[in-house]
Amino acid sequence: MDNYLRLDGILIRLVACVALLFSPLLFAEGLSTYSEFPKSSKTEVIPFPIEFASDITLNGVEELVFLPGMYKQEKEDFFSYAFSWTHKPEKNQVLGKVEIQDFIASYYRGLYKAVTQGKEYEPAITIEWDDGKYTGQIKWIEPFVTKKEQTLYFKGNQVNCEKTDELRWYFIVSPQNSSHPVWAELQSIKPKNC
């Protein structure tokens, strides 16, 4: 009997070690648009319509990957994260620079209003668009931690998934400028092939 108990204990420890080693990979499988992301990142999946931004007229899902320091003001990766919007475009639906800019404004306006319990604030969005790739800035008041003005920089791209008839919009976002090492960490968040 003692041999069985020892064997059970060894198996339990082995399974626990394997789970710890591979948990980021296993966790990533729950996301449909990301295959890899930094250890200790948190993830979230939100179906459209998003409650705080219901005027984003997409039919699909938003997926987020938050770097470990997302809500820690003292960390270099404070408010640094990735998100994707995956949707099935409706017939004749055109999504270009203007529409994405409007959606981003709606998203951050709604997020601010939800966190501050009804206060209004209009973020200032600038976006540069070049053949499905984009960069830009979001000037807003960060409502979660500092409650101060913040400029977020973002980069992204559009991927057309022909097999699934989906369109994916990928964003990486940070208040750090583009030469900061946090951008290398954000770029290590790998989209899944579609």
Protein backbone atom coordinates (compact mmCIF):
# COMPACT_ATOMS: atom_id res chain seq x y z
CA MET A 1 0.00 0.00 0.00
CA ASP A 2 2.84 2.41 0.87
CA ASN A 3 4.37 1.84 -2.60
CA TYR A 4 1.09 2.92 -4.23
CA LEU A 5 0.92 6.05 -2.09
CA ARG A 6 4.52 6.95 -2.98
CA LEU A 7 3.81 6.34 -6.67
CA ASP A 8 0.63 8.47 -6.46
CA GLY A 9 2.60 11.28 -4.81
CA ILE A 10 5.26 11.16 -7.52
CA LEU A 11 2.63 11.18 -10.29
CA ILE A 12 0.80 14.13 -8.71
CA ARG A 13 4.05 16.13 -8.48
CA LEU A 14 4.95 15.21 -12.07
CA VAL A 15 1.54 16.29 -13.38
CA ALA A 16 1.75 19.54 -11.37
CA CYS A 17 5.23 20.32 -12.79
CA VAL A 18 4.11 19.64 -16.35
CA ALA A 19 1.01 21.82 -15.83
CA LEU A 20 3.14 24.68 -14.49
CA LEU A 21 5.64 24.43 -17.32
CA PHE A 22 3.05 24.34 -20.07
CA SER A 23 0.21 26.36 -18.55
CA PRO A 24 0.91 29.46 -20.71
CA LEU A 25 0.64 27.28 -23.81
CA LEU A 26 -2.48 25.52 -22.57
CA PHE A 27 -4.04 28.81 -21.55
CA ALA A 28 -3.33 30.28 -24.98
CA GLU A 29 -5.45 27.54 -26.52
CA GLY A 30 -8.54 29.18 -24.98
CA LEU A 31 -7.93 32.20 -27.19
CA SER A 32 -8.90 31.91 -30.83
CA THR A 33 -6.63 34.69 -32.15
CA TYR A 34 -3.41 34.44 -30.11
CA SER A 35 -1.04 31.48 -29.94
CA GLU A 36 1.71 32.85 -27.65
CA PHE A 37 2.07 35.57 -25.05
CA PRO A 38 4.42 36.41 -22.16
CA LYS A 39 4.24 34.33 -19.00
CA SER A 40 2.07 35.84 -16.24
CA SER A 41 -0.09 37.73 -18.75
CA LYS A 42 -3.81 37.81 -18.07
CA THR A 43 -6.36 37.23 -20.81
CA GLU A 44 -9.99 38.06 -21.38
CA VAL A 45 -12.57 37.29 -24.07
CA ILE A 46 -15.56 39.60 -24.65
CA PRO A 47 -18.27 38.94 -27.26
CA PHE A 48 -19.63 41.75 -29.40
CA PRO A 49 -21.59 43.88 -28.86
CA ILE A 50 -19.32 45.07 -26.05
CA GLU A 51 -21.50 46.32 -23.21
CA PHE A 52 -19.63 49.61 -22.75
CA ALA A 53 -19.23 50.27 -26.50
CA SER A 54 -22.40 48.93 -28.09
CA ASP A 55 -22.10 51.20 -31.13
CA ILE A 56 -19.14 49.13 -32.38
CA THR A 57 -21.15 47.27 -34.97
CA LEU A 58 -19.13 44.08 -35.29
CA ASN A 59 -20.38 40.53 -35.08
CA GLY A 60 -17.70 38.53 -33.31
CA VAL A 61 -15.38 38.66 -30.32
CA GLU A 62 -12.70 40.79 -28.66
CA GLU A 63 -9.71 39.03 -27.08
CA LEU A 64 -7.26 40.79 -24.75
CA VAL A 65 -3.80 39.94 -23.42
CA PHE A 66 -2.62 42.15 -20.55
CA LEU A 67 1.08 42.32 -19.71
CA PRO A 68 1.75 41.57 -16.01
CA GLY A 69 2.12 45.25 -14.99
CA MET A 70 -1.09 46.37 -16.70
CA TYR A 71 -2.61 47.96 -13.60
CA LYS A 72 0.63 48.75 -11.71
CA GLN A 73 1.59 52.37 -12.28
CA GLU A 74 5.19 51.82 -11.12
CA LYS A 75 5.86 49.10 -13.70
CA GLU A 76 7.29 49.76 -17.16
CA ASP A 77 4.52 47.68 -18.74
CA PHE A 78 1.77 49.71 -17.05
CA PHE A 79 -1.30 49.86 -19.30
CA SER A 80 0.46 47.80 -21.99
CA TYR A 81 -1.64 45.17 -23.68
CA ALA A 82 -2.80 43.59 -26.91
CA PHE A 83 -6.31 43.13 -28.17
CA SER A 84 -7.93 41.74 -31.26
CA TRP A 85 -11.32 42.18 -32.82
CA THR A 86 -12.49 39.19 -34.86
CA HIS A 87 -15.70 39.43 -36.81
CA LYS A 88 -17.55 38.19 -39.84
CA PRO A 89 -18.09 41.20 -42.08
CA GLU A 90 -21.63 41.78 -43.22
CA LYS A 91 -22.36 42.14 -46.94
CA ASN A 92 -21.08 45.45 -48.28
CA GLN A 93 -19.57 46.37 -44.89
CA VAL A 94 -16.51 48.53 -45.47
CA LEU A 95 -14.01 48.95 -42.65
CA GLY A 96 -11.27 51.42 -43.38
CA LYS A 97 -9.36 54.10 -41.53
CA VAL A 98 -12.41 56.24 -40.66
CA GLU A 99 -14.48 53.32 -39.34
CA ILE A 100 -11.64 51.91 -37.23
CA GLN A 101 -10.87 55.38 -35.87
CA ASP A 102 -14.54 55.79 -34.92
CA PHE A 103 -14.60 52.33 -33.30
CA ILE A 104 -11.45 53.06 -31.28
CA ALA A 105 -12.91 56.39 -30.11
CA SER A 106 -16.15 54.65 -29.14
CA TYR A 107 -14.23 51.93 -27.32
CA TYR A 108 -12.15 54.28 -25.16
CA ARG A 109 -15.04 56.72 -24.63
CA GLY A 110 -17.23 53.85 -23.42
CA LEU A 111 -14.48 52.32 -21.30
CA TYR A 112 -13.88 55.66 -19.57
CA LYS A 113 -17.59 56.16 -18.95
CA ALA A 114 -18.05 52.62 -17.58
CA VAL A 115 -15.10 52.85 -15.17
CA THR A 116 -15.97 56.37 -13.96
CA GLN A 117 -19.65 55.41 -13.59
CA GLY A 118 -21.12 57.80 -16.12
CA LYS A 119 -18.64 60.64 -16.56
CA GLU A 120 -18.26 61.78 -20.16
CA TYR A 121 -14.90 62.23 -21.87
CA GLU A 122 -14.06 62.33 -25.56
CA PRO A 123 -10.67 60.77 -26.37
CA ALA A 124 -8.58 62.30 -29.17
CA ILE A 125 -7.59 59.66 -31.72
CA THR A 126 -5.06 59.97 -34.52
CA ILE A 127 -4.40 57.11 -36.88
CA GLU A 128 -2.07 56.54 -39.81
CA TRP A 129 -3.14 53.84 -42.25
CA ASP A 130 -1.05 52.09 -44.87
CA ASP A 131 -2.29 48.97 -46.67
CA GLY A 132 -3.96 47.29 -43.68
CA LYS A 133 -1.29 48.35 -41.17
CA TYR A 134 -1.84 51.23 -38.81
CA THR A 135 -0.24 53.28 -36.04
CA GLY A 136 -1.71 55.98 -33.89
CA GLN A 137 -2.27 57.71 -30.59
CA ILE A 138 -5.11 57.85 -28.12
CA LYS A 139 -5.16 60.84 -25.78
CA TRP A 140 -7.51 60.23 -22.89
CA ILE A 141 -7.78 60.19 -19.11
CA GLU A 142 -6.70 56.80 -17.75
CA PRO A 143 -9.63 55.91 -15.46
CA PHE A 144 -8.43 52.77 -13.65
CA VAL A 145 -5.33 53.75 -11.65
CA THR A 146 -3.93 57.26 -12.15
CA LYS A 147 -7.08 59.12 -13.25
CA LYS A 148 -4.69 61.41 -15.16
CA GLU A 149 -4.22 62.35 -18.80
CA GLN A 150 -2.42 59.64 -20.72
CA THR A 151 -1.25 59.18 -24.28
CA LEU A 152 -1.45 55.62 -25.54
CA TYR A 153 0.47 54.62 -28.65
CA PHE A 154 -0.82 51.77 -30.74
CA LYS A 155 0.22 49.65 -33.70
CA GLY A 156 -1.79 47.10 -35.53
CA ASN A 157 -2.79 45.32 -38.64
CA GLN A 158 -5.72 43.75 -40.41
CA VAL A 159 -5.81 40.07 -41.36
CA ASN A 160 -8.38 38.59 -43.72
CA CYS A 161 -9.05 34.94 -42.77
CA GLU A 162 -10.44 33.46 -45.96
CA LYS A 163 -10.94 29.94 -44.57
CA THR A 164 -13.28 31.16 -41.83
CA ASP A 165 -14.60 34.23 -43.65
CA GLU A 166 -13.43 36.43 -40.77
CA LEU A 167 -11.64 39.74 -40.50
CA ARG A 168 -9.20 40.21 -37.61
CA TRP A 169 -7.93 43.52 -36.30
CA TYR A 170 -4.86 43.26 -34.08
CA PHE A 171 -3.76 46.07 -31.76
CA ILE A 172 -0.80 46.46 -29.39
CA VAL A 173 -1.01 49.41 -27.02
CA SER A 174 1.27 51.14 -24.51
CA PRO A 175 1.91 54.59 -23.02
CA GLN A 176 5.63 53.94 -23.66
CA ASN A 177 7.15 55.34 -26.85
CA SER A 178 7.98 52.95 -29.67
CA SER A 179 11.69 52.65 -28.75
CA HIS A 180 10.91 51.30 -25.26
CA PRO A 181 11.66 47.57 -24.61
CA VAL A 182 8.01 46.95 -23.68
CA TRP A 183 7.23 46.99 -27.42
CA ALA A 184 9.41 43.91 -27.94
CA GLU A 185 7.37 42.19 -25.25
CA LEU A 186 4.13 43.29 -26.91
CA GLN A 187 5.37 42.01 -30.25
CA SER A 188 6.04 38.61 -28.65
CA ILE A 189 2.25 38.22 -28.43
CA LYS A 190 1.79 36.08 -31.51
CA PRO A 191 -1.40 35.91 -33.55
CA LYS A 192 -2.66 32.46 -34.51
CA ASN A 193 -2.70 31.58 -38.16
CA CYS A 194 -6.13 31.46 -39.70
